[in-house]
Amino acid sequence: MHTGLYRAPVYEPTVDELTILKKLELGEDVSLGVAAKEHMAKRLLERGFAVQDESRHWHITDTGRMLIRRTP
């Protein structure tokens, strides 16, 4: 039996995800520990809204910036 990754047809970011993206946009350091503490979803990585560097620090992508700018 093959189980695949399910993606809902419409992506709606959670409040926690938006908070993390806004922190990243402001240049705040968000490490893996902070991300886990803030309930960071892997969806941000999977959807390309954030990336991790070699030091496992999070950085916002241009796609992530567009997401928080369109969110009221």
Protein backbone atom coordinates (compact mmCIF):
# COMPACT_ATOMS: atom_id res chain seq x y z
CA MET A 1 0.00 0.00 0.00
CA HIS A 2 1.42 3.39 -1.01
CA THR A 3 0.77 6.31 1.29
CA GLY A 4 1.56 9.69 -0.17
CA LEU A 5 1.77 13.16 1.21
CA TYR A 6 -1.66 14.77 1.18
CA ARG A 7 -1.89 18.45 0.36
CA ALA A 8 -5.11 20.34 0.72
CA PRO A 9 -6.13 22.14 -2.47
CA VAL A 10 -5.92 25.53 -0.73
CA TYR A 11 -3.09 26.42 1.63
CA GLU A 12 -4.16 28.45 4.64
CA PRO A 13 -1.25 29.37 6.92
CA THR A 14 -1.74 29.07 10.66
CA VAL A 15 -1.23 32.02 12.99
CA ASP A 16 1.99 30.37 14.24
CA GLU A 17 3.30 30.01 10.68
CA LEU A 18 2.56 33.65 9.87
CA THR A 19 4.23 34.75 13.11
CA ILE A 20 7.41 32.84 12.26
CA LEU A 21 7.46 34.22 8.70
CA LYS A 22 7.04 37.77 10.01
CA LYS A 23 9.90 37.25 12.49
CA LEU A 24 12.09 35.98 9.66
CA GLU A 25 11.19 38.99 7.51
CA LEU A 26 12.22 41.31 10.34
CA GLY A 27 15.60 39.59 10.46
CA GLU A 28 15.10 37.82 13.77
CA ASP A 29 17.16 34.67 14.24
CA VAL A 30 14.94 31.60 14.22
CA SER A 31 16.82 28.39 14.95
CA LEU A 32 15.39 24.87 14.85
CA GLY A 33 14.85 24.99 18.62
CA VAL A 34 12.95 28.27 18.42
CA ALA A 35 10.93 26.99 15.48
CA ALA A 36 9.94 23.84 17.35
CA LYS A 37 9.11 25.88 20.44
CA GLU A 38 6.89 28.13 18.34
CA HIS A 39 5.19 25.10 16.76
CA MET A 40 6.78 25.69 13.38
CA ALA A 41 5.12 23.50 10.80
CA LYS A 42 7.15 21.58 8.25
CA ARG A 43 4.62 22.90 5.76
CA LEU A 44 6.65 26.11 5.51
CA LEU A 45 9.62 24.13 4.25
CA GLU A 46 7.52 21.82 2.09
CA ARG A 47 5.74 24.73 0.43
CA GLY A 48 8.93 26.77 -0.04
CA PHE A 49 8.03 29.64 2.29
CA ALA A 50 11.18 29.12 4.38
CA VAL A 51 14.52 27.34 4.05
CA GLN A 52 17.19 26.13 6.44
CA ASP A 53 20.91 26.78 6.07
CA GLU A 54 23.80 24.50 7.05
CA SER A 55 23.54 25.74 10.64
CA ARG A 56 19.85 24.75 10.64
CA HIS A 57 18.72 28.37 10.93
CA TRP A 58 15.52 29.37 9.20
CA HIS A 59 15.30 32.03 6.48
CA ILE A 60 12.26 33.40 4.68
CA THR A 61 12.04 33.00 0.90
CA ASP A 62 10.56 35.42 -1.61
CA THR A 63 7.49 33.17 -1.71
CA GLY A 64 7.16 33.50 2.07
CA ARG A 65 7.41 37.27 1.82
CA MET A 66 4.62 37.32 -0.76
CA LEU A 67 2.46 35.19 1.54
CA ILE A 68 2.70 37.52 4.53
CA ARG A 69 2.19 40.60 2.40
CA ARG A 70 -1.07 39.30 0.97
CA THR A 71 -2.39 38.23 4.38
CA PRO A 72 -4.46 40.94 6.09
